[in-house]
PDB file of all heavy atoms in Angstrom:
ATOM      1  N   ASP A   1      15.719  15.671  39.235  1.00  0.00           N
ATOM      2  CA  ASP A   1      16.958  14.939  38.967  1.00  0.00           C
ATOM      3  C   ASP A   1      18.065  15.918  38.613  1.00  0.00           C
ATOM      4  O   ASP A   1      17.880  16.782  37.752  1.00  0.00           O
ATOM      5  CB  ASP A   1      16.763  13.951  37.816  1.00  0.00           C
ATOM      6  CG  ASP A   1      15.783  12.848  38.209  1.00  0.00           C
ATOM      7  OD1 ASP A   1      15.604  12.656  39.422  1.00  0.00           O
ATOM      8  OD2 ASP A   1      15.230  12.214  37.301  1.00  0.00           O
ATOM      9  N   PRO A   2      19.230  15.790  39.237  1.00  0.00           N
ATOM     10  CA  PRO A   2      20.350  16.671  38.876  1.00  0.00           C
ATOM     11  C   PRO A   2      20.916  16.300  37.508  1.00  0.00           C
ATOM     12  O   PRO A   2      20.801  15.162  37.055  1.00  0.00           O
ATOM     13  CB  PRO A   2      21.370  16.416  39.988  1.00  0.00           C
ATOM     14  CG  PRO A   2      21.064  15.038  40.458  1.00  0.00           C
ATOM     15  CD  PRO A   2      19.571  14.858  40.321  1.00  0.00           C
ATOM     16  N   ALA A   3      21.536  17.267  36.871  1.00  0.00           N
ATOM     17  CA  ALA A   3      22.133  17.022  35.560  1.00  0.00           C
ATOM     18  C   ALA A   3      23.366  16.146  35.705  1.00  0.00           C
ATOM     19  O   ALA A   3      24.169  16.324  36.619  1.00  0.00           O
ATOM     20  CB  ALA A   3      22.510  18.347  34.904  1.00  0.00           C
ATOM     21  N   LYS A   4      23.564  15.197  34.786  1.00  0.00           N
ATOM     22  CA  LYS A   4      24.721  14.317  34.812  1.00  0.00           C
ATOM     23  C   LYS A   4      25.911  15.009  34.161  1.00  0.00           C
ATOM     24  O   LYS A   4      25.746  15.800  33.241  1.00  0.00           O
ATOM     25  CB  LYS A   4      24.416  13.013  34.066  1.00  0.00           C
ATOM     26  CG  LYS A   4      23.351  12.168  34.716  1.00  0.00           C
ATOM     27  CD  LYS A   4      23.155  10.890  33.926  1.00  0.00           C
ATOM     28  CE  LYS A   4      22.091  10.007  34.580  1.00  0.00           C
ATOM     29  NZ  LYS A   4      21.904   8.767  33.808  1.00  0.00           N
ATOM     30  N   PRO A   5      27.132  14.713  34.632  1.00  0.00           N
ATOM     31  CA  PRO A   5      28.318  15.258  33.951  1.00  0.00           C
ATOM     32  C   PRO A   5      28.393  14.755  32.510  1.00  0.00           C
ATOM     33  O   PRO A   5      27.883  13.683  32.168  1.00  0.00           O
ATOM     34  CB  PRO A   5      29.486  14.728  34.796  1.00  0.00           C
ATOM     35  CG  PRO A   5      28.875  14.372  36.104  1.00  0.00           C
ATOM     36  CD  PRO A   5      27.473  13.952  35.814  1.00  0.00           C
ATOM     37  N   ALA A   6      29.064  15.531  31.667  1.00  0.00           N
ATOM     38  CA  ALA A   6      29.156  15.159  30.252  1.00  0.00           C
ATOM     39  C   ALA A   6      29.906  13.857  30.064  1.00  0.00           C
ATOM     40  O   ALA A   6      29.649  13.109  29.126  1.00  0.00           O
ATOM     41  CB  ALA A   6      29.847  16.290  29.475  1.00  0.00           C
ATOM     42  N   SER A   7      30.871  13.573  30.962  1.00  0.00           N
ATOM     43  CA  SER A   7      31.650  12.338  30.833  1.00  0.00           C
ATOM     44  C   SER A   7      30.831  11.090  31.117  1.00  0.00           C
ATOM     45  O   SER A   7      31.200   9.996  30.712  1.00  0.00           O
ATOM     46  CB  SER A   7      32.854  12.376  31.773  1.00  0.00           C
ATOM     47  OG  SER A   7      32.426  12.527  33.114  1.00  0.00           O
ATOM     48  N   GLU A   8      29.706  11.230  31.855  1.00  0.00           N
ATOM     49  CA  GLU A   8      28.885  10.077  32.203  1.00  0.00           C
ATOM     50  C   GLU A   8      27.751   9.851  31.218  1.00  0.00           C
ATOM     51  O   GLU A   8      27.030   8.872  31.327  1.00  0.00           O
ATOM     52  CB  GLU A   8      28.301  10.267  33.602  1.00  0.00           C
ATOM     53  CG  GLU A   8      29.353  10.345  34.708  1.00  0.00           C
ATOM     54  CD  GLU A   8      28.715  10.483  36.072  1.00  0.00           C
ATOM     55  OE1 GLU A   8      27.459  10.446  36.122  1.00  0.00           O
ATOM     56  OE2 GLU A   8      29.444  10.621  37.064  1.00  0.00           O
ATOM     57  N   ILE A   9      27.592  10.752  30.270  1.00  0.00           N
ATOM     58  CA  ILE A   9      26.513  10.608  29.291  1.00  0.00           C
ATOM     59  C   ILE A   9      27.046   9.798  28.119  1.00  0.00           C
ATOM     60  O   ILE A   9      28.006  10.185  27.458  1.00  0.00           O
ATOM     61  CB  ILE A   9      26.020  11.987  28.814  1.00  0.00           C
ATOM     62  CG1 ILE A   9      25.457  12.777  29.993  1.00  0.00           C
ATOM     63  CG2 ILE A   9      24.964  11.817  27.739  1.00  0.00           C
ATOM     64  CD1 ILE A   9      25.061  14.190  29.639  1.00  0.00           C
ATOM     65  N   LYS A  10      26.478   8.652  27.863  1.00  0.00           N
ATOM     66  CA  LYS A  10      26.890   7.771  26.779  1.00  0.00           C
ATOM     67  C   LYS A  10      26.028   8.073  25.561  1.00  0.00           C
ATOM     68  O   LYS A  10      24.802   7.961  25.604  1.00  0.00           O
ATOM     69  CB  LYS A  10      26.743   6.304  27.180  1.00  0.00           C
ATOM     70  CG  LYS A  10      27.654   5.900  28.331  1.00  0.00           C
ATOM     71  CD  LYS A  10      27.497   4.424  28.651  1.00  0.00           C
ATOM     72  CE  LYS A  10      28.403   4.011  29.797  1.00  0.00           C
ATOM     73  NZ  LYS A  10      28.253   2.576  30.108  1.00  0.00           N
ATOM     74  N   LYS A  11      26.706   8.446  24.498  1.00  0.00           N
ATOM     75  CA  LYS A  11      26.006   8.756  23.259  1.00  0.00           C
ATOM     76  C   LYS A  11      26.231   7.631  22.268  1.00  0.00           C
ATOM     77  O   LYS A  11      27.362   7.280  21.957  1.00  0.00           O
ATOM     78  CB  LYS A  11      26.515  10.077  22.677  1.00  0.00           C
ATOM     79  CG  LYS A  11      26.264  11.273  23.591  1.00  0.00           C
ATOM     80  CD  LYS A  11      26.793  12.548  22.965  1.00  0.00           C
ATOM     81  CE  LYS A  11      26.547  13.736  23.878  1.00  0.00           C
ATOM     82  NZ  LYS A  11      27.058  15.000  23.283  1.00  0.00           N
ATOM     83  N   THR A  12      25.204   7.063  21.760  1.00  0.00           N
ATOM     84  CA  THR A  12      25.259   5.970  20.813  1.00  0.00           C
ATOM     85  C   THR A  12      24.614   6.411  19.509  1.00  0.00           C
ATOM     86  O   THR A  12      23.455   6.856  19.510  1.00  0.00           O
ATOM     87  CB  THR A  12      24.535   4.718  21.342  1.00  0.00           C
ATOM     88  OG1 THR A  12      25.113   4.354  22.595  1.00  0.00           O
ATOM     89  CG2 THR A  12      24.665   3.569  20.355  1.00  0.00           C
ATOM     90  N   LEU A  13      25.389   6.316  18.432  1.00  0.00           N
ATOM     91  CA  LEU A  13      24.889   6.708  17.125  1.00  0.00           C
ATOM     92  C   LEU A  13      24.360   5.470  16.412  1.00  0.00           C
ATOM     93  O   LEU A  13      25.122   4.538  16.139  1.00  0.00           O
ATOM     94  CB  LEU A  13      25.999   7.355  16.294  1.00  0.00           C
ATOM     95  CG  LEU A  13      25.624   7.794  14.881  1.00  0.00           C
ATOM     96  CD1 LEU A  13      24.529   8.860  14.933  1.00  0.00           C
ATOM     97  CD2 LEU A  13      26.841   8.319  14.144  1.00  0.00           C
ATOM     98  N   VAL A  14      23.103   5.450  16.138  1.00  0.00           N
ATOM     99  CA  VAL A  14      22.458   4.331  15.460  1.00  0.00           C
ATOM    100  C   VAL A  14      21.980   4.829  14.106  1.00  0.00           C
ATOM    101  O   VAL A  14      21.111   5.713  14.026  1.00  0.00           O
ATOM    102  CB  VAL A  14      21.275   3.779  16.284  1.00  0.00           C
ATOM    103  CG1 VAL A  14      20.622   2.624  15.537  1.00  0.00           C
ATOM    104  CG2 VAL A  14      21.750   3.335  17.654  1.00  0.00           C
ATOM    105  N   LEU A  15      22.580   4.282  13.050  1.00  0.00           N
ATOM    106  CA  LEU A  15      22.200   4.702  11.712  1.00  0.00           C
ATOM    107  C   LEU A  15      20.988   3.916  11.234  1.00  0.00           C
ATOM    108  O   LEU A  15      20.837   2.735  11.559  1.00  0.00           O
ATOM    109  CB  LEU A  15      23.360   4.475  10.739  1.00  0.00           C
ATOM    110  CG  LEU A  15      24.612   5.320  10.950  1.00  0.00           C
ATOM    111  CD1 LEU A  15      25.697   4.903   9.959  1.00  0.00           C
ATOM    112  CD2 LEU A  15      24.310   6.794  10.804  1.00  0.00           C
ATOM    113  N   PRO A  16      20.138   4.540  10.456  1.00  0.00           N
ATOM    114  CA  PRO A  16      19.051   3.785   9.824  1.00  0.00           C
ATOM    115  C   PRO A  16      19.605   2.714   8.894  1.00  0.00           C
ATOM    116  O   PRO A  16      20.749   2.822   8.430  1.00  0.00           O
ATOM    117  CB  PRO A  16      18.286   4.875   9.043  1.00  0.00           C
ATOM    118  CG  PRO A  16      18.666   6.154   9.696  1.00  0.00           C
ATOM    119  CD  PRO A  16      20.070   5.977  10.190  1.00  0.00           C
ATOM    120  N   PRO A  17      18.851   1.668   8.619  1.00  0.00           N
ATOM    121  CA  PRO A  17      19.378   0.580   7.769  1.00  0.00           C
ATOM    122  C   PRO A  17      19.872   1.055   6.415  1.00  0.00           C
ATOM    123  O   PRO A  17      20.885   0.567   5.916  1.00  0.00           O
ATOM    124  CB  PRO A  17      18.175  -0.364   7.646  1.00  0.00           C
ATOM    125  CG  PRO A  17      17.355  -0.091   8.867  1.00  0.00           C
ATOM    126  CD  PRO A  17      17.516   1.362   9.162  1.00  0.00           C
ATOM    127  N   SER A  18      19.165   2.005   5.793  1.00  0.00           N
ATOM    128  CA  SER A  18      19.589   2.478   4.469  1.00  0.00           C
ATOM    129  C   SER A  18      20.939   3.185   4.545  1.00  0.00           C
ATOM    130  O   SER A  18      21.815   2.997   3.700  1.00  0.00           O
ATOM    131  CB  SER A  18      18.541   3.426   3.890  1.00  0.00           C
ATOM    132  OG  SER A  18      18.332   4.533   4.772  1.00  0.00           O
ATOM    133  N   TYR A  19      21.143   3.990   5.603  1.00  0.00           N
ATOM    134  CA  TYR A  19      22.416   4.668   5.779  1.00  0.00           C
ATOM    135  C   TYR A  19      23.526   3.668   6.091  1.00  0.00           C
ATOM    136  O   TYR A  19      24.660   3.804   5.620  1.00  0.00           O
ATOM    137  CB  TYR A  19      22.324   5.697   6.892  1.00  0.00           C
ATOM    138  CG  TYR A  19      21.486   6.911   6.572  1.00  0.00           C
ATOM    139  CD1 TYR A  19      21.206   7.872   7.531  1.00  0.00           C
ATOM    140  CD2 TYR A  19      20.963   7.097   5.290  1.00  0.00           C
ATOM    141  CE1 TYR A  19      20.424   8.987   7.237  1.00  0.00           C
ATOM    142  CE2 TYR A  19      20.192   8.200   4.984  1.00  0.00           C
ATOM    143  CZ  TYR A  19      19.917   9.143   5.958  1.00  0.00           C
ATOM    144  OH  TYR A  19      19.167  10.231   5.653  1.00  0.00           O
ATOM    145  N   ALA A  20      23.216   2.664   6.914  1.00  0.00           N
ATOM    146  CA  ALA A  20      24.220   1.652   7.259  1.00  0.00           C
ATOM    147  C   ALA A  20      24.679   0.885   6.013  1.00  0.00           C
ATOM    148  O   ALA A  20      25.873   0.607   5.847  1.00  0.00           O
ATOM    149  CB  ALA A  20      23.661   0.693   8.301  1.00  0.00           C
ATOM    150  N   ASP A  21      23.759   0.543   5.134  1.00  0.00           N
ATOM    151  CA  ASP A  21      24.139  -0.147   3.896  1.00  0.00           C
ATOM    152  C   ASP A  21      25.022   0.734   3.024  1.00  0.00           C
ATOM    153  O   ASP A  21      25.976   0.256   2.391  1.00  0.00           O
ATOM    154  CB  ASP A  21      22.883  -0.555   3.125  1.00  0.00           C
ATOM    155  CG  ASP A  21      22.080  -1.618   3.862  1.00  0.00           C
ATOM    156  OD1 ASP A  21      22.663  -2.298   4.734  1.00  0.00           O
ATOM    157  OD2 ASP A  21      20.870  -1.756   3.586  1.00  0.00           O
ATOM    158  N   THR A  22      24.718   2.022   2.986  1.00  0.00           N
ATOM    159  CA  THR A  22      25.538   2.943   2.197  1.00  0.00           C
ATOM    160  C   THR A  22      26.960   3.018   2.748  1.00  0.00           C
ATOM    161  O   THR A  22      27.941   3.007   1.996  1.00  0.00           O
ATOM    162  CB  THR A  22      24.908   4.341   2.187  1.00  0.00           C
ATOM    163  OG1 THR A  22      23.574   4.257   1.664  1.00  0.00           O
ATOM    164  CG2 THR A  22      25.733   5.302   1.338  1.00  0.00           C
ATOM    165  N   VAL A  23      27.090   3.085   4.068  1.00  0.00           N
ATOM    166  CA  VAL A  23      28.420   3.135   4.688  1.00  0.00           C
ATOM    167  C   VAL A  23      29.195   1.852   4.398  1.00  0.00           C
ATOM    168  O   VAL A  23      30.397   1.882   4.111  1.00  0.00           O
ATOM    169  CB  VAL A  23      28.291   3.373   6.200  1.00  0.00           C
ATOM    170  CG1 VAL A  23      29.627   3.216   6.894  1.00  0.00           C
ATOM    171  CG2 VAL A  23      27.718   4.761   6.476  1.00  0.00           C
ATOM    172  N   ARG A  24      28.516   0.712   4.468  1.00  0.00           N
ATOM    173  CA  ARG A  24      29.199  -0.558   4.178  1.00  0.00           C
ATOM    174  C   ARG A  24      29.692  -0.596   2.738  1.00  0.00           C
ATOM    175  O   ARG A  24      30.802  -1.068   2.458  1.00  0.00           O
ATOM    176  CB  ARG A  24      28.253  -1.724   4.440  1.00  0.00           C
ATOM    177  CG  ARG A  24      27.901  -1.933   5.907  1.00  0.00           C
ATOM    178  CD  ARG A  24      27.181  -3.241   6.111  1.00  0.00           C
ATOM    179  NE  ARG A  24      26.632  -3.353   7.447  1.00  0.00           N
ATOM    180  CZ  ARG A  24      25.375  -3.076   7.775  1.00  0.00           C
ATOM    181  NH1 ARG A  24      24.521  -2.680   6.830  1.00  0.00           N
ATOM    182  NH2 ARG A  24      24.957  -3.183   9.014  1.00  0.00           N
ATOM    183  N   ARG A  25      28.877  -0.113   1.806  1.00  0.00           N
ATOM    184  CA  ARG A  25      29.297  -0.115   0.406  1.00  0.00           C
ATOM    185  C   ARG A  25      30.503   0.797   0.197  1.00  0.00           C
ATOM    186  O   ARG A  25      31.430   0.465  -0.548  1.00  0.00           O
ATOM    187  CB  ARG A  25      28.144   0.332  -0.491  1.00  0.00           C
ATOM    188  CG  ARG A  25      27.048  -0.727  -0.653  1.00  0.00           C
ATOM    189  CD  ARG A  25      26.161  -0.388  -1.832  1.00  0.00           C
ATOM    190  NE  ARG A  25      25.487   0.882  -1.651  1.00  0.00           N
ATOM    191  CZ  ARG A  25      24.290   1.019  -1.082  1.00  0.00           C
ATOM    192  NH1 ARG A  25      23.649  -0.066  -0.637  1.00  0.00           N
ATOM    193  NH2 ARG A  25      23.733   2.197  -0.961  1.00  0.00           N
ATOM    194  N   LEU A  26      30.504   1.949   0.854  1.00  0.00           N
ATOM    195  CA  LEU A  26      31.642   2.860   0.725  1.00  0.00           C
ATOM    196  C   LEU A  26      32.915   2.254   1.305  1.00  0.00           C
ATOM    197  O   LEU A  26      34.003   2.386   0.734  1.00  0.00           O
ATOM    198  CB  LEU A  26      31.323   4.191   1.412  1.00  0.00           C
ATOM    199  CG  LEU A  26      30.262   5.061   0.736  1.00  0.00           C
ATOM    200  CD1 LEU A  26      29.950   6.276   1.598  1.00  0.00           C
ATOM    201  CD2 LEU A  26      30.725   5.495  -0.640  1.00  0.00           C
ATOM    202  N   LEU A  27      32.783   1.569   2.459  1.00  0.00           N
ATOM    203  CA  LEU A  27      33.956   0.938   3.059  1.00  0.00           C
ATOM    204  C   LEU A  27      34.498  -0.176   2.172  1.00  0.00           C
ATOM    205  O   LEU A  27      35.707  -0.315   2.008  1.00  0.00           O
ATOM    206  CB  LEU A  27      33.602   0.399   4.448  1.00  0.00           C
ATOM    207  CG  LEU A  27      33.382   1.444   5.539  1.00  0.00           C
ATOM    208  CD1 LEU A  27      32.964   0.779   6.834  1.00  0.00           C
ATOM    209  CD2 LEU A  27      34.639   2.272   5.758  1.00  0.00           C
ATOM    210  N   ARG A  28      33.594  -0.989   1.603  1.00  0.00           N
ATOM    211  CA  ARG A  28      34.055  -2.061   0.718  1.00  0.00           C
ATOM    212  C   ARG A  28      34.751  -1.500  -0.516  1.00  0.00           C
ATOM    213  O   ARG A  28      35.639  -2.132  -1.088  1.00  0.00           O
ATOM    214  CB  ARG A  28      32.869  -2.937   0.305  1.00  0.00           C
ATOM    215  CG  ARG A  28      32.419  -3.924   1.365  1.00  0.00           C
ATOM    216  CD  ARG A  28      31.536  -4.998   0.768  1.00  0.00           C
ATOM    217  NE  ARG A  28      30.317  -4.441   0.216  1.00  0.00           N
ATOM    218  CZ  ARG A  28      29.172  -4.345   0.877  1.00  0.00           C
ATOM    219  NH1 ARG A  28      29.104  -4.767   2.127  1.00  0.00           N
ATOM    220  NH2 ARG A  28      28.101  -3.840   0.306  1.00  0.00           N
ATOM    221  N   ARG A  29      34.358  -0.304  -0.911  1.00  0.00           N
ATOM    222  CA  ARG A  29      34.932   0.276  -2.126  1.00  0.00           C
ATOM    223  C   ARG A  29      36.291   0.928  -1.875  1.00  0.00           C
ATOM    224  O   ARG A  29      37.208   0.781  -2.680  1.00  0.00           O
ATOM    225  CB  ARG A  29      33.973   1.310  -2.707  1.00  0.00           C
ATOM    226  CG  ARG A  29      34.486   1.987  -3.980  1.00  0.00           C
ATOM    227  CD  ARG A  29      33.465   2.956  -4.530  1.00  0.00           C
ATOM    228  NE  ARG A  29      33.960   3.618  -5.724  1.00  0.00           N
ATOM    229  CZ  ARG A  29      33.276   4.544  -6.400  1.00  0.00           C
ATOM    230  NH1 ARG A  29      32.064   4.902  -5.975  1.00  0.00           N
ATOM    231  NH2 ARG A  29      33.782   5.111  -7.465  1.00  0.00           N
ATOM    232  N   PHE A  30      36.418   1.651  -0.756  1.00  0.00           N
ATOM    233  CA  PHE A  30      37.619   2.439  -0.524  1.00  0.00           C
ATOM    234  C   PHE A  30      38.597   1.790   0.448  1.00  0.00           C
ATOM    235  O   PHE A  30      39.767   2.180   0.475  1.00  0.00           O
ATOM    236  CB  PHE A  30      37.244   3.831   0.007  1.00  0.00           C
ATOM    237  CG  PHE A  30      36.495   4.660  -0.995  1.00  0.00           C
ATOM    238  CD1 PHE A  30      35.133   4.883  -0.862  1.00  0.00           C
ATOM    239  CD2 PHE A  30      37.161   5.202  -2.085  1.00  0.00           C
ATOM    240  CE1 PHE A  30      34.446   5.640  -1.784  1.00  0.00           C
ATOM    241  CE2 PHE A  30      36.484   5.965  -3.020  1.00  0.00           C
ATOM    242  CZ  PHE A  30      35.122   6.192  -2.875  1.00  0.00           C
ATOM    243  N   LEU A  31      38.177   0.824   1.254  1.00  0.00           N
ATOM    244  CA  LEU A  31      39.074   0.223   2.237  1.00  0.00           C
ATOM    245  C   LEU A  31      40.264  -0.490   1.601  1.00  0.00           C
ATOM    246  O   LEU A  31      41.380  -0.375   2.106  1.00  0.00           O
ATOM    247  CB  LEU A  31      38.292  -0.733   3.139  1.00  0.00           C
ATOM    248  CG  LEU A  31      39.031  -1.239   4.382  1.00  0.00           C
ATOM    249  CD1 LEU A  31      39.448  -0.070   5.258  1.00  0.00           C
ATOM    250  CD2 LEU A  31      38.153  -2.198   5.176  1.00  0.00           C
ATOM    251  N   PRO A  32      40.107  -1.240   0.494  1.00  0.00           N
ATOM    252  CA  PRO A  32      41.278  -1.887  -0.112  1.00  0.00           C
ATOM    253  C   PRO A  32      42.362  -0.906  -0.523  1.00  0.00           C
ATOM    254  O   PRO A  32      43.551  -1.241  -0.503  1.00  0.00           O
ATOM    255  CB  PRO A  32      40.679  -2.612  -1.328  1.00  0.00           C
ATOM    256  CG  PRO A  32      39.259  -2.849  -0.961  1.00  0.00           C
ATOM    257  CD  PRO A  32      38.851  -1.654  -0.159  1.00  0.00           C
ATOM    258  N   GLN A  33      41.996   0.307  -0.890  1.00  0.00           N
ATOM    259  CA  GLN A  33      43.007   1.285  -1.282  1.00  0.00           C
ATOM    260  C   GLN A  33      43.896   1.660  -0.107  1.00  0.00           C
ATOM    261  O   GLN A  33      45.106   1.874  -0.269  1.00  0.00           O
ATOM    262  CB  GLN A  33      42.325   2.530  -1.836  1.00  0.00           C
ATOM    263  CG  GLN A  33      41.438   2.264  -3.046  1.00  0.00           C
ATOM    264  CD  GLN A  33      40.798   3.520  -3.572  1.00  0.00           C
ATOM    265  OE1 GLN A  33      41.331   4.612  -3.442  1.00  0.00           O
ATOM    266  NE2 GLN A  33      39.638   3.388  -4.188  1.00  0.00           N
TER     267      GLN A  33
END
């Protein structure tokens, strides 16, 4: 298989549930500011 161009490679970042909860708490804390 030939290598795909970098523009055609879709990168999806999936955080673990514990990390996702931490990000949500930080957003709820700092977003109102």
